[in-house]
Amino acid sequence: MPKVKLIKETKKEETDPQTLTHRSQRKELEQLVSTRKILLMNRMRVPPAINQFSTFLDPDTFSEILSLFKKYRPETQKEKSDRLSNKDWKKQPKPILVKCGIKHVTQLIENKKAKFVLIACDVDPLEIVIHLPTLCKKMNIPYAIVKGKELLGSVVNQKNATSLLLCDVRPEDTKTLNKFIEKSNNMFSNRYEDIMKKWGSVGGVEEKEEAVVVG
């Protein structure tokens, strides 16, 4: 019986990035690091409390809501001064204005004074606003997650804003506000329990896509 030469298969060892130090190996190093990063991100799971911020209003709906909020911009210094210069200013109704500032927003939600809350999903660190959806749900206050902290900031004459809310609107805007609340509730508040069961993936495509409001 002829002798058979046995060849042991060996697993190809992965290149160590630390060995790619020469200038000619720079492209190989970049590709290796990029591949490792993608693999790592795909293995990472994002908890529901964070993953919920990967779903946000579509740009068209967000733009319409911003138009409503801009009708209630905070007073400028001159506008406030002119209002207070009126001797009967105490007898006049308090102006309806957009509220901002994470502490103020949180307090108004806790006191159930908010009617509709906008929460930016692109806040860094996200921990600043991560409690707001749960708090809104607990207090039965409508909310929407939106992409564009700069756009929120433009409403209140600031560079950025983590969140905005309205405590009321004028009678002529009630129907419009209720329409936005219904759409937002269908996307967020009414689906809260399901949303809080869904884990995400850092590198997942579905978590990168914006959701479109139904209704």
N, C-alpha and C. Protein backbone atom coordinates (compact mmCIF):
# COMPACT_ATOMS: atom_id res chain seq x y z
N MET A 1 0.86 -1.19 0.00
CA MET A 1 0.00 0.00 0.00
C MET A 1 0.89 1.23 0.00
N PRO A 2 0.68 2.12 -0.99
CA PRO A 2 1.54 3.30 -1.07
C PRO A 2 1.29 4.25 0.09
N LYS A 3 2.33 4.91 0.49
CA LYS A 3 2.21 5.86 1.58
C LYS A 3 1.54 7.15 1.08
N VAL A 4 0.63 7.69 1.89
CA VAL A 4 -0.07 8.93 1.54
C VAL A 4 0.45 10.05 2.42
N LYS A 5 0.85 11.12 1.77
CA LYS A 5 1.38 12.26 2.51
C LYS A 5 0.20 13.10 3.03
N LEU A 6 0.14 13.25 4.33
CA LEU A 6 -0.92 14.04 4.95
C LEU A 6 -0.51 15.50 5.04
N ILE A 7 -1.40 16.37 4.56
CA ILE A 7 -1.13 17.81 4.62
C ILE A 7 -2.12 18.44 5.59
N LYS A 8 -1.62 19.03 6.62
CA LYS A 8 -2.46 19.65 7.63
C LYS A 8 -2.83 21.06 7.19
N GLU A 9 -4.16 21.30 7.14
CA GLU A 9 -4.61 22.63 6.73
C GLU A 9 -4.46 23.60 7.89
N THR A 10 -3.92 24.70 7.58
CA THR A 10 -3.74 25.74 8.61
C THR A 10 -4.55 26.96 8.25
N LYS A 11 -5.15 27.56 9.25
CA LYS A 11 -5.95 28.77 9.05
C LYS A 11 -5.04 29.95 8.77
N LYS A 12 -5.40 30.68 7.74
CA LYS A 12 -4.60 31.84 7.37
C LYS A 12 -4.68 32.89 8.46
N GLU A 13 -3.54 33.29 8.93
CA GLU A 13 -3.51 34.29 10.00
C GLU A 13 -3.82 35.67 9.44
N GLU A 14 -4.61 36.42 10.21
CA GLU A 14 -4.96 37.77 9.80
C GLU A 14 -3.78 38.70 10.04
N THR A 15 -3.60 39.61 9.13
CA THR A 15 -2.50 40.55 9.24
C THR A 15 -2.67 41.44 10.46
N ASP A 16 -1.61 41.62 11.18
CA ASP A 16 -1.62 42.51 12.34
C ASP A 16 -1.41 43.94 11.85
N PRO A 17 -2.35 44.86 12.12
CA PRO A 17 -2.20 46.24 11.66
C PRO A 17 -0.90 46.90 12.11
N GLN A 18 -0.39 46.47 13.26
CA GLN A 18 0.82 47.09 13.79
C GLN A 18 2.06 46.77 12.95
N THR A 19 1.93 45.74 12.09
CA THR A 19 3.08 45.39 11.24
C THR A 19 3.08 46.17 9.93
N LEU A 20 1.98 46.85 9.65
CA LEU A 20 1.88 47.61 8.40
C LEU A 20 2.35 49.04 8.65
N THR A 21 3.62 49.20 8.75
CA THR A 21 4.18 50.50 9.12
C THR A 21 4.81 51.25 7.94
N HIS A 22 5.05 50.54 6.85
CA HIS A 22 5.71 51.20 5.71
C HIS A 22 4.70 52.02 4.90
N ARG A 23 5.20 53.07 4.27
CA ARG A 23 4.32 53.93 3.50
C ARG A 23 3.60 53.18 2.38
N SER A 24 4.27 52.21 1.81
CA SER A 24 3.67 51.44 0.72
C SER A 24 2.52 50.55 1.21
N GLN A 25 2.42 50.35 2.53
CA GLN A 25 1.38 49.50 3.09
C GLN A 25 0.21 50.31 3.66
N ARG A 26 0.23 51.59 3.42
CA ARG A 26 -0.79 52.47 4.00
C ARG A 26 -2.19 52.11 3.52
N LYS A 27 -2.34 51.86 2.22
CA LYS A 27 -3.64 51.51 1.68
C LYS A 27 -4.15 50.20 2.27
N GLU A 28 -3.26 49.23 2.40
CA GLU A 28 -3.62 47.94 2.99
C GLU A 28 -4.05 48.12 4.44
N LEU A 29 -3.34 49.00 5.15
CA LEU A 29 -3.68 49.27 6.55
C LEU A 29 -5.07 49.89 6.66
N GLU A 30 -5.35 50.86 5.82
CA GLU A 30 -6.65 51.53 5.85
C GLU A 30 -7.79 50.56 5.56
N GLN A 31 -7.58 49.67 4.59
CA GLN A 31 -8.60 48.68 4.25
C GLN A 31 -8.83 47.71 5.39
N LEU A 32 -7.75 47.29 6.03
CA LEU A 32 -7.85 46.35 7.14
C LEU A 32 -8.60 46.97 8.32
N VAL A 33 -8.24 48.21 8.65
CA VAL A 33 -8.90 48.90 9.77
C VAL A 33 -10.38 49.12 9.46
N SER A 34 -10.67 49.50 8.21
CA SER A 34 -12.06 49.73 7.81
C SER A 34 -12.89 48.45 7.91
N THR A 35 -12.31 47.34 7.47
CA THR A 35 -13.00 46.05 7.54
C THR A 35 -13.27 45.64 8.98
N ARG A 36 -12.26 45.81 9.82
CA ARG A 36 -12.43 45.46 11.24
C ARG A 36 -13.50 46.33 11.90
N LYS A 37 -13.52 47.60 11.53
CA LYS A 37 -14.50 48.53 12.11
C LYS A 37 -15.91 48.13 11.73
N ILE A 38 -16.11 47.77 10.46
CA ILE A 38 -17.43 47.35 9.99
C ILE A 38 -17.89 46.09 10.71
N LEU A 39 -16.98 45.12 10.84
CA LEU A 39 -17.32 43.87 11.53
C LEU A 39 -17.69 44.13 12.99
N LEU A 40 -16.94 45.01 13.63
CA LEU A 40 -17.20 45.32 15.03
C LEU A 40 -18.55 46.01 15.19
N MET A 41 -18.83 46.97 14.31
CA MET A 41 -20.09 47.71 14.40
C MET A 41 -21.29 46.81 14.17
N ASN A 42 -21.14 45.85 13.24
CA ASN A 42 -22.24 44.93 12.96
C ASN A 42 -22.51 43.98 14.12
N ARG A 43 -21.50 43.76 14.95
CA ARG A 43 -21.67 42.86 16.10
C ARG A 43 -22.25 43.59 17.32
N MET A 44 -22.15 44.91 17.30
CA MET A 44 -22.63 45.68 18.45
C MET A 44 -24.14 45.83 18.40
N ARG A 45 -24.79 45.63 19.51
CA ARG A 45 -26.23 45.78 19.60
C ARG A 45 -26.56 47.05 20.36
N VAL A 46 -27.53 47.77 19.84
CA VAL A 46 -27.93 49.04 20.44
C VAL A 46 -29.21 48.83 21.24
N PRO A 47 -29.23 49.17 22.53
CA PRO A 47 -30.43 48.97 23.35
C PRO A 47 -31.59 49.82 22.85
N PRO A 48 -32.83 49.37 23.10
CA PRO A 48 -34.01 50.07 22.60
C PRO A 48 -34.08 51.55 22.98
N ALA A 49 -33.67 51.88 24.20
CA ALA A 49 -33.75 53.27 24.65
C ALA A 49 -32.94 54.20 23.77
N ILE A 50 -31.86 53.68 23.18
CA ILE A 50 -31.03 54.46 22.26
C ILE A 50 -31.49 54.26 20.82
N ASN A 51 -31.83 53.02 20.49
CA ASN A 51 -32.22 52.69 19.12
C ASN A 51 -33.46 53.45 18.67
N GLN A 52 -34.32 53.85 19.61
CA GLN A 52 -35.54 54.58 19.23
C GLN A 52 -35.24 55.90 18.52
N PHE A 53 -34.04 56.44 18.76
CA PHE A 53 -33.67 57.71 18.14
C PHE A 53 -33.20 57.55 16.70
N SER A 54 -33.19 56.32 16.21
CA SER A 54 -32.84 56.09 14.80
C SER A 54 -34.07 56.22 13.90
N THR A 55 -35.23 56.39 14.52
CA THR A 55 -36.47 56.61 13.78
C THR A 55 -36.94 58.03 14.04
N PHE A 56 -37.16 58.77 12.97
CA PHE A 56 -37.55 60.18 13.15
C PHE A 56 -38.49 60.61 12.03
N LEU A 57 -39.12 61.75 12.23
CA LEU A 57 -40.08 62.26 11.26
C LEU A 57 -39.43 62.51 9.90
N ASP A 58 -40.22 62.33 8.85
CA ASP A 58 -39.71 62.62 7.52
C ASP A 58 -39.53 64.14 7.36
N PRO A 59 -38.63 64.58 6.50
CA PRO A 59 -38.31 66.01 6.36
C PRO A 59 -39.51 66.89 6.04
N ASP A 60 -40.44 66.41 5.21
CA ASP A 60 -41.58 67.24 4.83
C ASP A 60 -42.49 67.54 6.02
N THR A 61 -42.79 66.50 6.79
CA THR A 61 -43.63 66.69 7.98
C THR A 61 -42.92 67.57 8.99
N PHE A 62 -41.63 67.33 9.18
CA PHE A 62 -40.84 68.13 10.12
C PHE A 62 -40.86 69.60 9.71
N SER A 63 -40.74 69.86 8.42
CA SER A 63 -40.74 71.23 7.92
C SER A 63 -42.07 71.92 8.21
N GLU A 64 -43.16 71.19 8.05
CA GLU A 64 -44.49 71.75 8.32
C GLU A 64 -44.65 72.07 9.81
N ILE A 65 -44.15 71.18 10.65
CA ILE A 65 -44.23 71.41 12.09
C ILE A 65 -43.39 72.61 12.49
N LEU A 66 -42.21 72.74 11.89
CA LEU A 66 -41.36 73.89 12.19
C LEU A 66 -42.05 75.20 11.83
N SER A 67 -42.79 75.19 10.74
CA SER A 67 -43.52 76.40 10.33
C SER A 67 -44.52 76.81 11.40
N LEU A 68 -45.16 75.82 12.01
CA LEU A 68 -46.09 76.12 13.10
C LEU A 68 -45.35 76.66 14.31
N PHE A 69 -44.26 76.01 14.69
CA PHE A 69 -43.50 76.44 15.86
C PHE A 69 -42.92 77.84 15.67
N LYS A 70 -42.54 78.18 14.44
CA LYS A 70 -41.95 79.50 14.19
C LYS A 70 -42.95 80.63 14.38
N LYS A 71 -44.23 80.31 14.36
CA LYS A 71 -45.25 81.33 14.62
C LYS A 71 -45.27 81.71 16.10
N TYR A 72 -44.57 80.92 16.91
CA TYR A 72 -44.55 81.16 18.36
C TYR A 72 -43.12 81.33 18.87
N ARG A 73 -42.30 81.95 18.04
CA ARG A 73 -40.91 82.20 18.43
C ARG A 73 -40.86 83.00 19.73
N PRO A 74 -39.82 82.80 20.54
CA PRO A 74 -39.65 83.62 21.74
C PRO A 74 -39.51 85.09 21.37
N GLU A 75 -39.91 85.96 22.26
CA GLU A 75 -39.81 87.40 22.01
C GLU A 75 -38.36 87.84 21.93
N THR A 76 -38.11 88.81 21.07
CA THR A 76 -36.80 89.45 21.08
C THR A 76 -36.78 90.42 22.26
N GLN A 77 -35.59 90.92 22.57
CA GLN A 77 -35.47 91.86 23.68
C GLN A 77 -36.34 93.10 23.45
N LYS A 78 -36.37 93.56 22.20
CA LYS A 78 -37.16 94.75 21.87
C LYS A 78 -38.65 94.47 21.99
N GLU A 79 -39.09 93.31 21.50
CA GLU A 79 -40.50 92.96 21.58
C GLU A 79 -40.96 92.84 23.02
N LYS A 80 -40.13 92.25 23.84
CA LYS A 80 -40.48 92.11 25.25
C LYS A 80 -40.51 93.47 25.94
N SER A 81 -39.54 94.32 25.60
CA SER A 81 -39.48 95.65 26.19
C SER A 81 -40.70 96.48 25.80
N ASP A 82 -41.10 96.38 24.53
CA ASP A 82 -42.28 97.12 24.06
C ASP A 82 -43.54 96.64 24.76
N ARG A 83 -43.64 95.34 24.96
CA ARG A 83 -44.84 94.79 25.61
C ARG A 83 -44.92 95.24 27.07
N LEU A 84 -43.79 95.20 27.74
CA LEU A 84 -43.77 95.56 29.16
C LEU A 84 -43.86 97.06 29.38
N SER A 85 -43.60 97.83 28.34
CA SER A 85 -43.68 99.30 28.48
C SER A 85 -45.13 99.77 28.53
N ASN A 86 -46.03 98.90 28.09
CA ASN A 86 -47.46 99.23 28.16
C ASN A 86 -47.91 99.18 29.61
N LYS A 87 -48.52 100.24 30.08
CA LYS A 87 -48.90 100.31 31.50
C LYS A 87 -49.94 99.24 31.88
N ASP A 88 -50.65 98.75 30.89
CA ASP A 88 -51.66 97.73 31.16
C ASP A 88 -51.18 96.32 30.82
N TRP A 89 -49.85 96.13 30.78
CA TRP A 89 -49.32 94.84 30.33
C TRP A 89 -49.74 93.67 31.23
N LYS A 90 -49.97 93.97 32.52
CA LYS A 90 -50.38 92.91 33.44
C LYS A 90 -51.79 92.40 33.15
N LYS A 91 -52.59 93.25 32.51
CA LYS A 91 -53.96 92.87 32.20
C LYS A 91 -54.06 92.11 30.88
N GLN A 92 -53.00 92.18 30.10
CA GLN A 92 -52.99 91.51 28.81
C GLN A 92 -52.67 90.02 28.96
N PRO A 93 -53.20 89.19 28.08
CA PRO A 93 -52.88 87.75 28.17
C PRO A 93 -51.40 87.50 27.91
N LYS A 94 -50.86 86.53 28.61
CA LYS A 94 -49.45 86.20 28.44
C LYS A 94 -49.23 85.62 27.04
N PRO A 95 -48.19 86.07 26.33
CA PRO A 95 -47.97 85.56 24.97
C PRO A 95 -47.68 84.06 24.95
N ILE A 96 -48.16 83.39 23.92
CA ILE A 96 -47.91 81.96 23.75
C ILE A 96 -46.60 81.81 22.99
N LEU A 97 -45.62 81.19 23.63
CA LEU A 97 -44.29 81.09 23.04
C LEU A 97 -43.74 79.67 23.13
N VAL A 98 -42.85 79.34 22.20
CA VAL A 98 -42.15 78.05 22.23
C VAL A 98 -41.22 78.02 23.44
N LYS A 99 -41.17 76.88 24.11
CA LYS A 99 -40.29 76.71 25.27
C LYS A 99 -39.09 75.84 24.88
N CYS A 100 -37.94 76.16 25.43
CA CYS A 100 -36.73 75.40 25.13
C CYS A 100 -35.87 75.28 26.38
N GLY A 101 -34.74 74.56 26.25
CA GLY A 101 -33.88 74.33 27.41
C GLY A 101 -34.27 73.02 28.06
N ILE A 102 -33.35 72.08 28.13
CA ILE A 102 -33.69 70.73 28.57
C ILE A 102 -34.31 70.69 29.96
N LYS A 103 -33.81 71.51 30.88
CA LYS A 103 -34.36 71.52 32.24
C LYS A 103 -35.78 72.07 32.25
N HIS A 104 -35.98 73.16 31.51
CA HIS A 104 -37.31 73.77 31.44
C HIS A 104 -38.30 72.84 30.76
N VAL A 105 -37.88 72.24 29.66
CA VAL A 105 -38.74 71.30 28.93
C VAL A 105 -39.13 70.13 29.82
N THR A 106 -38.16 69.56 30.51
CA THR A 106 -38.43 68.43 31.41
C THR A 106 -39.43 68.81 32.49
N GLN A 107 -39.24 69.99 33.06
CA GLN A 107 -40.14 70.46 34.13
C GLN A 107 -41.56 70.65 33.63
N LEU A 108 -41.71 71.22 32.45
CA LEU A 108 -43.05 71.44 31.89
C LEU A 108 -43.74 70.12 31.57
N ILE A 109 -42.97 69.13 31.12
CA ILE A 109 -43.56 67.81 30.86
C ILE A 109 -43.99 67.16 32.17
N GLU A 110 -43.13 67.23 33.17
CA GLU A 110 -43.45 66.65 34.48
C GLU A 110 -44.70 67.28 35.09
N ASN A 111 -44.90 68.57 34.83
CA ASN A 111 -46.06 69.28 35.36
C ASN A 111 -47.28 69.19 34.43
N LYS A 112 -47.12 68.41 33.36
CA LYS A 112 -48.20 68.18 32.40
C LYS A 112 -48.72 69.46 31.76
N LYS A 113 -47.81 70.39 31.53
CA LYS A 113 -48.19 71.65 30.89
C LYS A 113 -47.90 71.65 29.39
N ALA A 114 -47.14 70.68 28.94
CA ALA A 114 -46.77 70.61 27.52
C ALA A 114 -47.89 69.99 26.69
N LYS A 115 -48.06 70.51 25.48
CA LYS A 115 -49.05 69.94 24.56
C LYS A 115 -48.40 69.12 23.45
N PHE A 116 -47.19 69.51 23.06
CA PHE A 116 -46.50 68.80 21.98
C PHE A 116 -45.01 69.07 22.11
N VAL A 117 -44.22 67.99 22.07
CA VAL A 117 -42.78 68.09 22.30
C VAL A 117 -42.01 67.59 21.07
N LEU A 118 -40.99 68.33 20.68
CA LEU A 118 -40.07 67.91 19.62
C LEU A 118 -38.73 67.57 20.25
N ILE A 119 -38.19 66.40 19.91
CA ILE A 119 -36.92 65.93 20.49
C ILE A 119 -35.94 65.66 19.36
N ALA A 120 -34.77 66.26 19.42
CA ALA A 120 -33.75 66.06 18.38
C ALA A 120 -33.06 64.72 18.59
N CYS A 121 -32.84 63.98 17.49
CA CYS A 121 -32.19 62.67 17.58
C CYS A 121 -30.69 62.77 17.37
N ASP A 122 -30.22 63.93 16.93
CA ASP A 122 -28.78 64.09 16.64
C ASP A 122 -28.07 64.89 17.72
N VAL A 123 -28.51 64.71 18.95
CA VAL A 123 -27.88 65.38 20.10
C VAL A 123 -26.68 64.56 20.56
N ASP A 124 -25.62 65.23 20.91
CA ASP A 124 -24.41 64.55 21.39
C ASP A 124 -23.92 65.24 22.67
N PRO A 125 -23.93 64.53 23.81
CA PRO A 125 -24.30 63.12 23.97
C PRO A 125 -25.82 62.93 24.02
N LEU A 126 -26.25 61.76 23.58
CA LEU A 126 -27.67 61.46 23.50
C LEU A 126 -28.33 61.39 24.88
N GLU A 127 -27.50 61.17 25.91
CA GLU A 127 -28.02 61.07 27.27
C GLU A 127 -28.78 62.32 27.70
N ILE A 128 -28.53 63.44 27.03
CA ILE A 128 -29.20 64.69 27.38
C ILE A 128 -30.72 64.57 27.18
N VAL A 129 -31.13 63.86 26.13
CA VAL A 129 -32.56 63.78 25.81
C VAL A 129 -33.13 62.37 25.91
N ILE A 130 -32.33 61.41 26.30
CA ILE A 130 -32.76 60.01 26.25
C ILE A 130 -33.96 59.73 27.15
N HIS A 131 -34.17 60.56 28.16
CA HIS A 131 -35.28 60.34 29.09
C HIS A 131 -36.61 60.92 28.60
N LEU A 132 -36.55 61.81 27.61
CA LEU A 132 -37.75 62.55 27.22
C LEU A 132 -38.87 61.69 26.63
N PRO A 133 -38.59 60.75 25.70
CA PRO A 133 -39.70 59.94 25.18
C PRO A 133 -40.43 59.16 26.27
N THR A 134 -39.69 58.56 27.17
CA THR A 134 -40.31 57.79 28.26
C THR A 134 -41.11 58.70 29.18
N LEU A 135 -40.57 59.88 29.47
CA LEU A 135 -41.28 60.83 30.33
C LEU A 135 -42.56 61.31 29.65
N CYS A 136 -42.48 61.61 28.37
CA CYS A 136 -43.68 62.04 27.63
C CYS A 136 -44.75 60.95 27.64
N LYS A 137 -44.32 59.71 27.41
CA LYS A 137 -45.26 58.59 27.42
C LYS A 137 -45.91 58.43 28.79
N LYS A 138 -45.11 58.56 29.83
CA LYS A 138 -45.62 58.42 31.20
C LYS A 138 -46.65 59.50 31.51
N MET A 139 -46.39 60.72 31.04
CA MET A 139 -47.28 61.85 31.32
C MET A 139 -48.37 62.02 30.26
N ASN A 140 -48.40 61.08 29.30
CA ASN A 140 -49.40 61.11 28.23
C ASN A 140 -49.34 62.41 27.43
N ILE A 141 -48.13 62.81 27.08
CA ILE A 141 -47.91 64.03 26.30
C ILE A 141 -47.37 63.64 24.92
N PRO A 142 -47.98 64.11 23.85
CA PRO A 142 -47.52 63.78 22.49
C PRO A 142 -46.11 64.29 22.24
N TYR A 143 -45.34 63.49 21.52
CA TYR A 143 -43.97 63.89 21.19
C TYR A 143 -43.59 63.35 19.82
N ALA A 144 -42.55 63.94 19.26
CA ALA A 144 -42.01 63.48 17.98
C ALA A 144 -40.50 63.59 18.03
N ILE A 145 -39.83 62.59 17.50
CA ILE A 145 -38.37 62.62 17.38
C ILE A 145 -38.04 63.14 15.98
N VAL A 146 -37.16 64.13 15.93
CA VAL A 146 -36.84 64.78 14.66
C VAL A 146 -35.34 64.84 14.47
N LYS A 147 -34.92 64.95 13.22
CA LYS A 147 -33.50 65.06 12.92
C LYS A 147 -33.18 66.49 12.50
N GLY A 148 -32.41 67.18 13.33
CA GLY A 148 -32.04 68.56 12.99
C GLY A 148 -32.01 69.47 14.20
N LYS A 149 -31.03 69.29 15.08
CA LYS A 149 -30.92 70.17 16.24
C LYS A 149 -30.69 71.61 15.82
N GLU A 150 -30.02 71.80 14.65
CA GLU A 150 -29.80 73.16 14.16
C GLU A 150 -31.12 73.80 13.75
N LEU A 151 -32.01 73.01 13.15
CA LEU A 151 -33.31 73.53 12.73
C LEU A 151 -34.17 73.89 13.95
N LEU A 152 -34.09 73.07 14.98
CA LEU A 152 -34.80 73.40 16.22
C LEU A 152 -34.24 74.69 16.81
N GLY A 153 -32.92 74.81 16.76
CA GLY A 153 -32.28 76.02 17.28
C GLY A 153 -32.70 77.27 16.54
N SER A 154 -32.93 77.14 15.24
CA SER A 154 -33.32 78.31 14.45
C SER A 154 -34.67 78.88 14.88
N VAL A 155 -35.51 78.05 15.48
CA VAL A 155 -36.82 78.51 15.94
C VAL A 155 -36.68 79.45 17.12
N VAL A 156 -35.69 79.19 17.97
CA VAL A 156 -35.52 79.98 19.20
C VAL A 156 -34.27 80.86 19.14
N ASN A 157 -33.82 81.13 17.91
CA ASN A 157 -32.67 82.03 17.70
C ASN A 157 -31.40 81.55 18.40
N GLN A 158 -31.17 80.25 18.34
CA GLN A 158 -29.97 79.66 18.90
C GLN A 158 -29.30 78.78 17.84
N LYS A 159 -28.03 78.45 18.09
CA LYS A 159 -27.31 77.61 17.14
C LYS A 159 -27.91 76.21 17.10
N ASN A 160 -28.20 75.65 18.27
CA ASN A 160 -28.79 74.31 18.38
C ASN A 160 -29.83 74.32 19.49
N ALA A 161 -30.71 73.33 19.43
CA ALA A 161 -31.66 73.11 20.52
C ALA A 161 -31.92 71.61 20.62
N THR A 162 -31.87 71.09 21.83
CA THR A 162 -32.08 69.65 22.03
C THR A 162 -33.55 69.28 21.95
N SER A 163 -34.41 70.22 22.34
CA SER A 163 -35.85 69.94 22.36
C SER A 163 -36.63 71.26 22.42
N LEU A 164 -37.84 71.20 21.92
CA LEU A 164 -38.76 72.34 21.96
C LEU A 164 -40.14 71.83 22.33
N LEU A 165 -40.96 72.72 22.88
CA LEU A 165 -42.34 72.31 23.13
C LEU A 165 -43.27 73.51 23.08
N LEU A 166 -44.53 73.20 22.86
CA LEU A 166 -45.59 74.19 22.91
C LEU A 166 -46.55 73.80 24.03
N CYS A 167 -46.92 74.79 24.83
CA CYS A 167 -47.90 74.54 25.89
C CYS A 167 -49.31 74.86 25.42
N ASP A 168 -49.38 75.60 24.34
CA ASP A 168 -50.68 75.98 23.80
C ASP A 168 -50.48 76.60 22.42
N VAL A 169 -51.56 76.78 21.69
CA VAL A 169 -51.53 77.50 20.41
C VAL A 169 -52.78 78.36 20.34
N ARG A 170 -52.77 79.30 19.42
CA ARG A 170 -53.95 80.13 19.21
C ARG A 170 -55.05 79.30 18.55
N PRO A 171 -56.31 79.69 18.74
CA PRO A 171 -57.43 78.90 18.21
C PRO A 171 -57.31 78.54 16.74
N GLU A 172 -56.77 79.46 15.93
CA GLU A 172 -56.68 79.20 14.49
C GLU A 172 -55.66 78.11 14.15
N ASP A 173 -54.79 77.77 15.11
CA ASP A 173 -53.76 76.75 14.86
C ASP A 173 -54.07 75.41 15.53
N THR A 174 -55.19 75.35 16.23
CA THR A 174 -55.54 74.13 16.97
C THR A 174 -55.70 72.92 16.05
N LYS A 175 -56.38 73.11 14.94
CA LYS A 175 -56.61 72.01 14.01
C LYS A 175 -55.29 71.49 13.43
N THR A 176 -54.40 72.42 13.08
CA THR A 176 -53.09 72.04 12.53
C THR A 176 -52.28 71.27 13.56
N LEU A 177 -52.27 71.76 14.79
CA LEU A 177 -51.52 71.09 15.86
C LEU A 177 -52.06 69.68 16.09
N ASN A 178 -53.37 69.55 16.14
CA ASN A 178 -53.98 68.24 16.37
C ASN A 178 -53.63 67.25 15.25
N LYS A 179 -53.51 67.77 14.03
CA LYS A 179 -53.13 66.91 12.90
C LYS A 179 -51.72 66.36 13.10
N PHE A 180 -50.80 67.23 13.52
CA PHE A 180 -49.42 66.80 13.76
C PHE A 180 -49.34 65.84 14.95
N ILE A 181 -50.14 66.10 15.96
CA ILE A 181 -50.15 65.23 17.14
C ILE A 181 -50.62 63.82 16.76
N GLU A 182 -51.66 63.76 15.95
CA GLU A 182 -52.19 62.45 15.52
C GLU A 182 -51.14 61.67 14.73
N LYS A 183 -50.47 62.35 13.80
CA LYS A 183 -49.44 61.69 13.01
C LYS A 183 -48.29 61.22 13.89
N SER A 184 -47.86 62.07 14.79
CA SER A 184 -46.73 61.73 15.65
C SER A 184 -47.07 60.60 16.60
N ASN A 185 -48.28 60.62 17.14
CA ASN A 185 -48.70 59.54 18.05
C ASN A 185 -48.71 58.19 17.34
N ASN A 186 -49.15 58.19 16.09
CA ASN A 186 -49.18 56.94 15.32
C ASN A 186 -47.78 56.38 15.09
N MET A 187 -46.80 57.25 15.11
CA MET A 187 -45.43 56.83 14.83
C MET A 187 -44.63 56.55 16.10
N PHE A 188 -44.94 57.29 17.16
CA PHE A 188 -44.12 57.17 18.37
C PHE A 188 -44.90 56.68 19.59
N SER A 189 -45.73 57.51 20.16
CA SER A 189 -46.38 57.18 21.43
C SER A 189 -47.22 55.91 21.37
N ASN A 190 -48.01 55.75 20.32
CA ASN A 190 -48.87 54.56 20.21
C ASN A 190 -48.07 53.28 19.98
N ARG A 191 -46.84 53.42 19.54
CA ARG A 191 -45.98 52.25 19.28
C ARG A 191 -44.87 52.12 20.32
N TYR A 192 -44.99 52.85 21.40
CA TYR A 192 -43.90 52.93 22.38
C TYR A 192 -43.48 51.55 22.90
N GLU A 193 -44.46 50.72 23.26
CA GLU A 193 -44.13 49.40 23.83
C GLU A 193 -43.35 48.55 22.83
N ASP A 194 -43.76 48.58 21.57
CA ASP A 194 -43.05 47.81 20.55
C ASP A 194 -41.66 48.38 20.29
N ILE A 195 -41.58 49.70 20.26
CA ILE A 195 -40.29 50.36 20.02
C ILE A 195 -39.28 50.00 21.10
N MET A 196 -39.75 49.91 22.34
CA MET A 196 -38.85 49.63 23.46
C MET A 196 -38.47 48.16 23.56
N LYS A 197 -38.95 47.35 22.62
CA LYS A 197 -38.53 45.95 22.56
C LYS A 197 -37.53 45.71 21.44
N LYS A 198 -37.35 46.71 20.61
CA LYS A 198 -36.52 46.55 19.41
C LYS A 198 -35.08 46.99 19.65
N TRP A 199 -34.18 46.02 19.55
CA TRP A 199 -32.76 46.32 19.62
C TRP A 199 -32.27 46.67 18.22
N GLY A 200 -31.25 47.47 18.16
CA GLY A 200 -30.70 47.87 16.87
C GLY A 200 -29.27 47.41 16.70
N SER A 201 -28.75 47.66 15.52
CA SER A 201 -27.35 47.35 15.20
C SER A 201 -26.68 48.63 14.76
N VAL A 202 -25.50 48.88 15.29
CA VAL A 202 -24.78 50.10 14.96
C VAL A 202 -24.54 50.20 13.46
N GLY A 203 -24.23 49.08 12.84
CA GLY A 203 -23.94 49.09 11.41
C GLY A 203 -25.12 48.68 10.55
N GLY A 204 -26.29 48.48 11.18
CA GLY A 204 -27.45 48.03 10.42
C GLY A 204 -27.99 49.11 9.51
N VAL A 205 -28.36 48.72 8.30
CA VAL A 205 -28.88 49.68 7.33
C VAL A 205 -30.23 50.21 7.77
N GLU A 206 -31.08 49.31 8.33
CA GLU A 206 -32.42 49.73 8.67
C GLU A 206 -32.44 50.79 9.75
N GLU A 207 -31.43 50.80 10.63
CA GLU A 207 -31.39 51.81 11.67
C GLU A 207 -30.93 53.16 11.15
N LYS A 208 -30.36 53.18 9.97
CA LYS A 208 -29.87 54.44 9.41
C LYS A 208 -30.96 55.18 8.66
N GLU A 209 -31.99 54.45 8.26
CA GLU A 209 -33.01 55.06 7.42
C GLU A 209 -34.00 55.82 8.27
N GLU A 210 -34.50 56.93 7.72
CA GLU A 210 -35.54 57.68 8.39
C GLU A 210 -36.87 57.01 8.14
N ALA A 211 -37.78 57.16 9.06
CA ALA A 211 -39.09 56.57 8.89
C ALA A 211 -40.05 57.62 8.35
N VAL A 212 -41.06 57.16 7.64
CA VAL A 212 -42.03 58.08 7.07
C VAL A 212 -43.31 57.98 7.88
N VAL A 213 -43.86 59.12 8.26
CA VAL A 213 -45.07 59.14 9.06
C VAL A 213 -46.24 58.63 8.24
N VAL A 214 -47.03 57.80 8.86
CA VAL A 214 -48.21 57.27 8.20
C VAL A 214 -49.43 57.98 8.75
N GLY A 215 -50.27 58.42 7.87
CA GLY A 215 -51.49 59.07 8.33
C GLY A 215 -51.75 60.36 7.59
